[in-house]
């Protein structure tokens, strides 16, 4: 496998690049072996006070509030990047900076990065090229992310992943009151995700709201109110959002107007 080349003009000044990964949390622990498997000389994860001595680049896998302090600890010289989706490159100044945010959930058991997207940015062409190269090396598809869109991008990721888990736990809890195990819901959830991935908006919907069966929706609401009343605000909000999607008041992502 060819070595990393950091020069945007193609000169091999970056051959043999050594990368330090800082931060021993879930992402740092998952990225090091993934990068090594992709042929990158990645080392770590190191502590947040690492100065980057002896390395060509440093990748900070630390909480957003710790990025500036961790970057300040790095001596001048190496390129410095972070893995935050919501934070711009300013906290990395004055280093030549980049960011690499894997659009993938990482749990305590690790993650599979291959096939996922990766939001990348850089203060220079060389830094951006490094971010792209690292993403490709672990099988991800890099895409550039403007700082103005970071908060919206990260919120979308939270809705798609974290909020989805919270929603499914609510479904699991309600099903349990009827004696139905979580595992019975899993095939339904997987099929729904596949439908959403391949169809536009309302085309992926089934169920009483989609067919306008409001009597059934009312019976569902009564059951929720009786068994898990704390879920009523969530149930009502989701019925309203689903109805808006059915009616065409909400368009699917490709037609949304950026705000």
C-alpha atoms as a PDB file:
ATOM      1  CA  UNK A   1       0.000   0.000   0.000  1.00  0.00           C
ATOM      2  CA  UNK A   2       1.331   3.444  -0.869  1.00  0.00           C
ATOM      3  CA  UNK A   3       2.410   5.790   1.898  1.00  0.00           C
ATOM      4  CA  UNK A   4       0.526   8.950   2.766  1.00  0.00           C
ATOM      5  CA  UNK A   5       1.430  12.000   0.696  1.00  0.00           C
ATOM      6  CA  UNK A   6       0.580  15.305   2.335  1.00  0.00           C
ATOM      7  CA  UNK A   7       1.749  17.550  -0.502  1.00  0.00           C
ATOM      8  CA  UNK A   8      -1.193  18.862  -2.577  1.00  0.00           C
ATOM      9  CA  UNK A   9       1.045  18.960  -5.660  1.00  0.00           C
ATOM     10  CA  UNK A  10       1.941  15.294  -5.337  1.00  0.00           C
ATOM     11  CA  UNK A  11       5.559  15.599  -4.146  1.00  0.00           C
ATOM     12  CA  UNK A  12       6.367  12.842  -1.629  1.00  0.00           C
ATOM     13  CA  UNK A  13       7.174  15.221   1.264  1.00  0.00           C
ATOM     14  CA  UNK A  14       4.633  13.410   3.422  1.00  0.00           C
ATOM     15  CA  UNK A  15       5.868   9.890   2.787  1.00  0.00           C
ATOM     16  CA  UNK A  16       6.127   7.920   6.028  1.00  0.00           C
ATOM     17  CA  UNK A  17       3.728  10.187   7.897  1.00  0.00           C
ATOM     18  CA  UNK A  18       3.459   9.484  11.620  1.00  0.00           C
ATOM     19  CA  UNK A  19       0.097  10.274  13.200  1.00  0.00           C
ATOM     20  CA  UNK A  20      -0.559  10.673  16.914  1.00  0.00           C
ATOM     21  CA  UNK A  21      -4.121  10.067  18.108  1.00  0.00           C
ATOM     22  CA  UNK A  22      -4.958  11.906  21.313  1.00  0.00           C
ATOM     23  CA  UNK A  23      -7.834  10.864  23.565  1.00  0.00           C
ATOM     24  CA  UNK A  24      -8.554   7.445  24.992  1.00  0.00           C
ATOM     25  CA  UNK A  25     -12.326   7.541  24.677  1.00  0.00           C
ATOM     26  CA  UNK A  26     -14.450   5.362  22.417  1.00  0.00           C
ATOM     27  CA  UNK A  27     -13.526   7.124  19.182  1.00  0.00           C
ATOM     28  CA  UNK A  28      -9.805   7.305  19.846  1.00  0.00           C
ATOM     29  CA  UNK A  29      -9.650   3.630  20.759  1.00  0.00           C
ATOM     30  CA  UNK A  30     -11.613   2.678  17.639  1.00  0.00           C
ATOM     31  CA  UNK A  31      -9.729   4.897  15.180  1.00  0.00           C
ATOM     32  CA  UNK A  32      -6.196   3.779  15.993  1.00  0.00           C
ATOM     33  CA  UNK A  33      -6.606   0.139  14.870  1.00  0.00           C
ATOM     34  CA  UNK A  34      -8.794   1.177  11.939  1.00  0.00           C
ATOM     35  CA  UNK A  35      -6.133   3.609  10.699  1.00  0.00           C
ATOM     36  CA  UNK A  36      -3.384   1.058  11.229  1.00  0.00           C
ATOM     37  CA  UNK A  37      -5.348  -1.496   9.220  1.00  0.00           C
ATOM     38  CA  UNK A  38      -5.554   1.114   6.453  1.00  0.00           C
ATOM     39  CA  UNK A  39      -1.788   1.465   6.303  1.00  0.00           C
ATOM     40  CA  UNK A  40      -1.468   4.636   8.391  1.00  0.00           C
ATOM     41  CA  UNK A  41       1.335   4.813  10.978  1.00  0.00           C
ATOM     42  CA  UNK A  42      -1.107   5.768  13.742  1.00  0.00           C
ATOM     43  CA  UNK A  43       0.033   5.719  17.360  1.00  0.00           C
ATOM     44  CA  UNK A  44      -1.830   6.062  20.641  1.00  0.00           C
ATOM     45  CA  UNK A  45      -4.264   6.935  21.866  1.00  0.00           C
ATOM     46  CA  UNK A  46      -2.243   9.337  24.013  1.00  0.00           C
ATOM     47  CA  UNK A  47      -3.274  11.625  26.856  1.00  0.00           C
ATOM     48  CA  UNK A  48      -4.657  15.110  26.254  1.00  0.00           C
ATOM     49  CA  UNK A  49      -1.371  16.812  27.227  1.00  0.00           C
ATOM     50  CA  UNK A  50       0.549  15.231  24.332  1.00  0.00           C
ATOM     51  CA  UNK A  51       2.824  17.752  22.617  1.00  0.00           C
ATOM     52  CA  UNK A  52       3.065  15.913  19.305  1.00  0.00           C
ATOM     53  CA  UNK A  53       6.849  15.692  19.353  1.00  0.00           C
ATOM     54  CA  UNK A  54       8.114  13.289  16.712  1.00  0.00           C
ATOM     55  CA  UNK A  55       4.833  13.215  14.797  1.00  0.00           C
ATOM     56  CA  UNK A  56       3.813  14.806  11.500  1.00  0.00           C
ATOM     57  CA  UNK A  57       0.154  15.162  12.469  1.00  0.00           C
ATOM     58  CA  UNK A  58      -1.945  14.983  15.618  1.00  0.00           C
ATOM     59  CA  UNK A  59      -5.602  13.973  15.639  1.00  0.00           C
ATOM     60  CA  UNK A  60      -7.551  15.064  18.721  1.00  0.00           C
ATOM     61  CA  UNK A  61     -10.341  12.692  19.750  1.00  0.00           C
ATOM     62  CA  UNK A  62     -11.404  14.689  22.793  1.00  0.00           C
ATOM     63  CA  UNK A  63     -14.664  16.324  23.951  1.00  0.00           C
ATOM     64  CA  UNK A  64     -15.467  19.581  22.174  1.00  0.00           C
ATOM     65  CA  UNK A  65     -14.779  21.687  25.279  1.00  0.00           C
ATOM     66  CA  UNK A  66     -11.279  20.170  25.518  1.00  0.00           C
ATOM     67  CA  UNK A  67     -10.207  20.770  21.900  1.00  0.00           C
ATOM     68  CA  UNK A  68      -8.603  24.183  22.432  1.00  0.00           C
ATOM     69  CA  UNK A  69      -6.596  23.068  25.475  1.00  0.00           C
ATOM     70  CA  UNK A  70      -5.429  19.856  23.781  1.00  0.00           C
ATOM     71  CA  UNK A  71      -4.412  21.823  20.665  1.00  0.00           C
ATOM     72  CA  UNK A  72      -2.532  24.356  22.785  1.00  0.00           C
ATOM     73  CA  UNK A  73      -0.486  21.526  24.282  1.00  0.00           C
ATOM     74  CA  UNK A  74       0.797  20.545  20.822  1.00  0.00           C
ATOM     75  CA  UNK A  75       4.108  22.157  19.896  1.00  0.00           C
ATOM     76  CA  UNK A  76       4.336  24.052  16.587  1.00  0.00           C
ATOM     77  CA  UNK A  77       5.064  21.868  13.570  1.00  0.00           C
ATOM     78  CA  UNK A  78       2.600  18.998  13.191  1.00  0.00           C
ATOM     79  CA  UNK A  79      -0.735  19.416  11.457  1.00  0.00           C
ATOM     80  CA  UNK A  80      -3.451  19.285  14.120  1.00  0.00           C
ATOM     81  CA  UNK A  81      -6.961  17.967  13.584  1.00  0.00           C
ATOM     82  CA  UNK A  82     -10.041  17.178  15.626  1.00  0.00           C
ATOM     83  CA  UNK A  83     -12.906  14.728  15.218  1.00  0.00           C
ATOM     84  CA  UNK A  84     -15.781  16.985  16.279  1.00  0.00           C
ATOM     85  CA  UNK A  85     -18.812  17.337  14.051  1.00  0.00           C
ATOM     86  CA  UNK A  86     -20.123  20.514  15.660  1.00  0.00           C
ATOM     87  CA  UNK A  87     -16.893  22.498  16.155  1.00  0.00           C
ATOM     88  CA  UNK A  88     -15.107  24.560  13.552  1.00  0.00           C
ATOM     89  CA  UNK A  89     -11.353  24.831  13.091  1.00  0.00           C
ATOM     90  CA  UNK A  90     -10.830  27.993  15.158  1.00  0.00           C
ATOM     91  CA  UNK A  91      -9.946  26.168  18.405  1.00  0.00           C
ATOM     92  CA  UNK A  92      -6.976  24.576  16.616  1.00  0.00           C
ATOM     93  CA  UNK A  93      -5.301  27.907  15.797  1.00  0.00           C
ATOM     94  CA  UNK A  94      -2.519  28.739  15.168  1.00  0.00           C
ATOM     95  CA  UNK A  95      -1.787  25.218  13.877  1.00  0.00           C
ATOM     96  CA  UNK A  96      -2.283  24.181  10.278  1.00  0.00           C
ATOM     97  CA  UNK A  97      -5.594  22.503  10.993  1.00  0.00           C
ATOM     98  CA  UNK A  98      -8.035  19.904   9.743  1.00  0.00           C
ATOM     99  CA  UNK A  99     -11.100  18.069  10.979  1.00  0.00           C
ATOM    100  CA  UNK A 100     -12.351  14.552  10.384  1.00  0.00           C
ATOM    101  CA  UNK A 101     -15.765  13.589  11.774  1.00  0.00           C
ATOM    102  CA  UNK A 102     -16.841   9.999  11.096  1.00  0.00           C
ATOM    103  CA  UNK A 103     -20.586   9.967  10.478  1.00  0.00           C
ATOM    104  CA  UNK A 104     -20.880   6.738  12.443  1.00  0.00           C
ATOM    105  CA  UNK A 105     -21.984   5.759  15.921  1.00  0.00           C
ATOM    106  CA  UNK A 106     -19.194   4.447  18.134  1.00  0.00           C
ATOM    107  CA  UNK A 107     -20.152   2.410  21.191  1.00  0.00           C
ATOM    108  CA  UNK A 108     -18.051   0.809  23.916  1.00  0.00           C
ATOM    109  CA  UNK A 109     -17.723  -2.249  21.666  1.00  0.00           C
ATOM    110  CA  UNK A 110     -16.215  -0.215  18.819  1.00  0.00           C
ATOM    111  CA  UNK A 111     -17.387   0.703  15.331  1.00  0.00           C
ATOM    112  CA  UNK A 112     -17.203  -0.266  11.674  1.00  0.00           C
ATOM    113  CA  UNK A 113     -16.156   2.799   9.692  1.00  0.00           C
ATOM    114  CA  UNK A 114     -16.104   1.267   6.208  1.00  0.00           C
ATOM    115  CA  UNK A 115     -18.961   2.598   4.106  1.00  0.00           C
ATOM    116  CA  UNK A 116     -19.707   5.559   6.378  1.00  0.00           C
ATOM    117  CA  UNK A 117     -19.476   9.210   5.453  1.00  0.00           C
ATOM    118  CA  UNK A 118     -16.851  11.525   6.944  1.00  0.00           C
ATOM    119  CA  UNK A 119     -17.154  15.304   7.237  1.00  0.00           C
ATOM    120  CA  UNK A 120     -13.781  16.906   6.503  1.00  0.00           C
ATOM    121  CA  UNK A 121     -12.346  20.410   6.517  1.00  0.00           C
ATOM    122  CA  UNK A 122      -8.921  22.039   6.455  1.00  0.00           C
ATOM    123  CA  UNK A 123      -7.333  25.465   6.781  1.00  0.00           C
ATOM    124  CA  UNK A 124      -4.997  24.658   3.871  1.00  0.00           C
ATOM    125  CA  UNK A 125      -5.164  22.458   0.812  1.00  0.00           C
ATOM    126  CA  UNK A 126      -2.583  20.174   2.426  1.00  0.00           C
ATOM    127  CA  UNK A 127      -4.572  19.849   5.645  1.00  0.00           C
ATOM    128  CA  UNK A 128      -7.786  19.130   3.753  1.00  0.00           C
ATOM    129  CA  UNK A 129      -5.987  16.548   1.667  1.00  0.00           C
ATOM    130  CA  UNK A 130      -4.773  14.803   4.813  1.00  0.00           C
ATOM    131  CA  UNK A 131      -8.297  14.697   6.255  1.00  0.00           C
ATOM    132  CA  UNK A 132      -9.616  13.197   3.021  1.00  0.00           C
ATOM    133  CA  UNK A 133      -6.788  10.666   2.841  1.00  0.00           C
ATOM    134  CA  UNK A 134      -7.318   9.465   6.414  1.00  0.00           C
ATOM    135  CA  UNK A 135     -11.036   9.044   5.767  1.00  0.00           C
ATOM    136  CA  UNK A 136     -10.443   7.043   2.598  1.00  0.00           C
ATOM    137  CA  UNK A 137      -7.838   4.861   4.315  1.00  0.00           C
ATOM    138  CA  UNK A 138     -10.473   3.528   6.734  1.00  0.00           C
ATOM    139  CA  UNK A 139     -13.083   3.051   4.033  1.00  0.00           C
ATOM    140  CA  UNK A 140     -15.151   6.190   4.564  1.00  0.00           C
ATOM    141  CA  UNK A 141     -16.509   8.597   1.957  1.00  0.00           C
ATOM    142  CA  UNK A 142     -15.249  12.118   2.722  1.00  0.00           C
ATOM    143  CA  UNK A 143     -17.334  15.224   2.077  1.00  0.00           C
ATOM    144  CA  UNK A 144     -16.458  18.844   2.828  1.00  0.00           C
ATOM    145  CA  UNK A 145     -18.387  20.587   5.580  1.00  0.00           C
ATOM    146  CA  UNK A 146     -18.574  24.363   5.838  1.00  0.00           C
ATOM    147  CA  UNK A 147     -18.407  25.814   9.356  1.00  0.00           C
ATOM    148  CA  UNK A 148     -21.774  27.525   8.810  1.00  0.00           C
ATOM    149  CA  UNK A 149     -23.442  24.158   8.342  1.00  0.00           C
ATOM    150  CA  UNK A 150     -21.800  22.324  11.232  1.00  0.00           C
ATOM    151  CA  UNK A 151     -24.514  22.801  13.851  1.00  0.00           C
ATOM    152  CA  UNK A 152     -27.264  21.699  11.456  1.00  0.00           C
ATOM    153  CA  UNK A 153     -25.187  18.736  10.270  1.00  0.00           C
ATOM    154  CA  UNK A 154     -24.471  17.603  13.809  1.00  0.00           C
ATOM    155  CA  UNK A 155     -28.097  18.029  14.851  1.00  0.00           C
ATOM    156  CA  UNK A 156     -29.148  15.881  11.887  1.00  0.00           C
ATOM    157  CA  UNK A 157     -26.690  13.203  12.974  1.00  0.00           C
ATOM    158  CA  UNK A 158     -28.078  13.297  16.516  1.00  0.00           C
ATOM    159  CA  UNK A 159     -31.650  12.932  15.258  1.00  0.00           C
ATOM    160  CA  UNK A 160     -30.695  10.073  12.945  1.00  0.00           C
ATOM    161  CA  UNK A 161     -28.759   8.162  15.587  1.00  0.00           C
ATOM    162  CA  UNK A 162     -29.167   9.226  19.219  1.00  0.00           C
ATOM    163  CA  UNK A 163     -32.796  10.314  19.025  1.00  0.00           C
ATOM    164  CA  UNK A 164     -33.649   7.162  17.103  1.00  0.00           C
ATOM    165  CA  UNK A 165     -32.329   5.062  19.981  1.00  0.00           C
ATOM    166  CA  UNK A 166     -34.376   7.092  22.472  1.00  0.00           C
ATOM    167  CA  UNK A 167     -37.458   6.580  20.299  1.00  0.00           C
ATOM    168  CA  UNK A 168     -36.933   2.831  20.004  1.00  0.00           C
ATOM    169  CA  UNK A 169     -36.451   2.538  23.763  1.00  0.00           C
ATOM    170  CA  UNK A 170     -39.835   4.237  24.171  1.00  0.00           C
ATOM    171  CA  UNK A 171     -41.356   1.674  21.789  1.00  0.00           C
ATOM    172  CA  UNK A 172     -39.611  -1.126  23.676  1.00  0.00           C
ATOM    173  CA  UNK A 173     -41.012   0.083  27.008  1.00  0.00           C
ATOM    174  CA  UNK A 174     -44.549   0.354  25.660  1.00  0.00           C
ATOM    175  CA  UNK A 175     -44.379  -3.075  23.992  1.00  0.00           C
ATOM    176  CA  UNK A 176     -43.221  -4.580  27.292  1.00  0.00           C
ATOM    177  CA  UNK A 177     -46.469  -3.453  28.957  1.00  0.00           C
ATOM    178  CA  UNK A 178     -48.263  -5.740  26.486  1.00  0.00           C
ATOM    179  CA  UNK A 179     -45.870  -8.630  27.078  1.00  0.00           C
ATOM    180  CA  UNK A 180     -44.013  -8.175  23.771  1.00  0.00           C
ATOM    181  CA  UNK A 181     -40.224  -8.556  23.813  1.00  0.00           C
ATOM    182  CA  UNK A 182     -37.821  -6.041  22.269  1.00  0.00           C
ATOM    183  CA  UNK A 183     -36.511  -8.640  19.809  1.00  0.00           C
ATOM    184  CA  UNK A 184     -39.931  -8.783  18.147  1.00  0.00           C
ATOM    185  CA  UNK A 185     -39.622  -5.115  17.179  1.00  0.00           C
ATOM    186  CA  UNK A 186     -36.130  -5.435  15.697  1.00  0.00           C
ATOM    187  CA  UNK A 187     -37.109  -6.774  12.215  1.00  0.00           C
ATOM    188  CA  UNK A 188     -39.708  -4.011  11.924  1.00  0.00           C
ATOM    189  CA  UNK A 189     -37.158  -1.346  12.804  1.00  0.00           C
ATOM    190  CA  UNK A 190     -34.608  -2.714  10.330  1.00  0.00           C
ATOM    191  CA  UNK A 191     -37.162  -2.885   7.516  1.00  0.00           C
ATOM    192  CA  UNK A 192     -38.309   0.655   8.284  1.00  0.00           C
ATOM    193  CA  UNK A 193     -34.743   1.975   8.073  1.00  0.00           C
ATOM    194  CA  UNK A 194     -34.251   0.246   4.732  1.00  0.00           C
ATOM    195  CA  UNK A 195     -37.528   1.718   3.432  1.00  0.00           C
ATOM    196  CA  UNK A 196     -36.476   5.193   4.545  1.00  0.00           C
ATOM    197  CA  UNK A 197     -33.076   4.733   2.864  1.00  0.00           C
ATOM    198  CA  UNK A 198     -34.576   3.727  -0.479  1.00  0.00           C
ATOM    199  CA  UNK A 199     -37.834   5.702  -0.644  1.00  0.00           C
ATOM    200  CA  UNK A 200     -38.780   9.369  -0.483  1.00  0.00           C
ATOM    201  CA  UNK A 201     -40.532  10.700   2.604  1.00  0.00           C
ATOM    202  CA  UNK A 202     -44.148   9.584   2.861  1.00  0.00           C
ATOM    203  CA  UNK A 203     -43.536   6.648   0.511  1.00  0.00           C
ATOM    204  CA  UNK A 204     -41.723   4.909   3.369  1.00  0.00           C
ATOM    205  CA  UNK A 205     -44.626   5.359   5.788  1.00  0.00           C
ATOM    206  CA  UNK A 206     -47.165   2.719   6.801  1.00  0.00           C
ATOM    207  CA  UNK A 207     -49.610   2.568   9.692  1.00  0.00           C
ATOM    208  CA  UNK A 208     -52.734   4.420  10.834  1.00  0.00           C
ATOM    209  CA  UNK A 209     -51.525   7.999  10.348  1.00  0.00           C
ATOM    210  CA  UNK A 210     -50.393   7.218   6.798  1.00  0.00           C
ATOM    211  CA  UNK A 211     -53.812   5.814   5.902  1.00  0.00           C
ATOM    212  CA  UNK A 212     -55.791   8.425   7.842  1.00  0.00           C
ATOM    213  CA  UNK A 213     -57.191   6.006  10.424  1.00  0.00           C
ATOM    214  CA  UNK A 214     -57.628   8.519  13.217  1.00  0.00           C
ATOM    215  CA  UNK A 215     -59.888   6.261  15.293  1.00  0.00           C
ATOM    216  CA  UNK A 216     -56.996   3.819  15.663  1.00  0.00           C
ATOM    217  CA  UNK A 217     -54.604   6.651  16.490  1.00  0.00           C
ATOM    218  CA  UNK A 218     -56.987   7.734  19.242  1.00  0.00           C
ATOM    219  CA  UNK A 219     -57.052   4.221  20.693  1.00  0.00           C
ATOM    220  CA  UNK A 220     -53.264   4.100  20.585  1.00  0.00           C
ATOM    221  CA  UNK A 221     -53.085   7.410  22.452  1.00  0.00           C
ATOM    222  CA  UNK A 222     -55.445   6.146  25.140  1.00  0.00           C
ATOM    223  CA  UNK A 223     -53.232   3.089  25.649  1.00  0.00           C
ATOM    224  CA  UNK A 224     -50.105   5.226  25.936  1.00  0.00           C
ATOM    225  CA  UNK A 225     -51.828   7.575  28.383  1.00  0.00           C
ATOM    226  CA  UNK A 226     -52.904   4.649  30.533  1.00  0.00           C
ATOM    227  CA  UNK A 227     -49.647   2.684  30.570  1.00  0.00           C
ATOM    228  CA  UNK A 228     -46.834   5.224  30.082  1.00  0.00           C
ATOM    229  CA  UNK A 229     -48.377   8.715  30.374  1.00  0.00           C
ATOM    230  CA  UNK A 230     -44.955  10.370  30.325  1.00  0.00           C
ATOM    231  CA  UNK A 231     -44.714   9.393  26.637  1.00  0.00           C
ATOM    232  CA  UNK A 232     -47.820  11.360  25.603  1.00  0.00           C
ATOM    233  CA  UNK A 233     -45.914  14.541  24.588  1.00  0.00           C
ATOM    234  CA  UNK A 234     -43.586  12.416  22.440  1.00  0.00           C
ATOM    235  CA  UNK A 235     -46.502  10.459  20.941  1.00  0.00           C
ATOM    236  CA  UNK A 236     -48.434  13.637  20.088  1.00  0.00           C
ATOM    237  CA  UNK A 237     -45.380  15.318  18.541  1.00  0.00           C
ATOM    238  CA  UNK A 238     -44.643  12.282  16.380  1.00  0.00           C
ATOM    239  CA  UNK A 239     -48.260  11.959  15.224  1.00  0.00           C
ATOM    240  CA  UNK A 240     -48.189  15.617  14.213  1.00  0.00           C
ATOM    241  CA  UNK A 241     -44.861  15.252  12.393  1.00  0.00           C
ATOM    242  CA  UNK A 242     -46.024  12.098  10.607  1.00  0.00           C
ATOM    243  CA  UNK A 243     -49.273  13.742   9.538  1.00  0.00           C
ATOM    244  CA  UNK A 244     -47.341  16.708   8.144  1.00  0.00           C
ATOM    245  CA  UNK A 245     -45.171  14.330   6.138  1.00  0.00           C
ATOM    246  CA  UNK A 246     -48.238  12.534   4.762  1.00  0.00           C
ATOM    247  CA  UNK A 247     -49.903  15.820   3.812  1.00  0.00           C
ATOM    248  CA  UNK A 248     -46.848  17.108   1.996  1.00  0.00           C
ATOM    249  CA  UNK A 249     -46.253  19.962   4.432  1.00  0.00           C
ATOM    250  CA  UNK A 250     -42.818  18.478   5.056  1.00  0.00           C
ATOM    251  CA  UNK A 251     -40.689  17.657   2.014  1.00  0.00           C
ATOM    252  CA  UNK A 252     -37.993  15.010   1.932  1.00  0.00           C
ATOM    253  CA  UNK A 253     -34.379  16.068   2.412  1.00  0.00           C
ATOM    254  CA  UNK A 254     -33.334  16.628  -1.212  1.00  0.00           C
ATOM    255  CA  UNK A 255     -36.032  19.287  -1.588  1.00  0.00           C
ATOM    256  CA  UNK A 256     -35.560  21.074   1.749  1.00  0.00           C
ATOM    257  CA  UNK A 257     -34.652  24.761   1.491  1.00  0.00           C
ATOM    258  CA  UNK A 258     -31.463  25.545   3.412  1.00  0.00           C
ATOM    259  CA  UNK A 259     -31.920  28.031   6.205  1.00  0.00           C
END
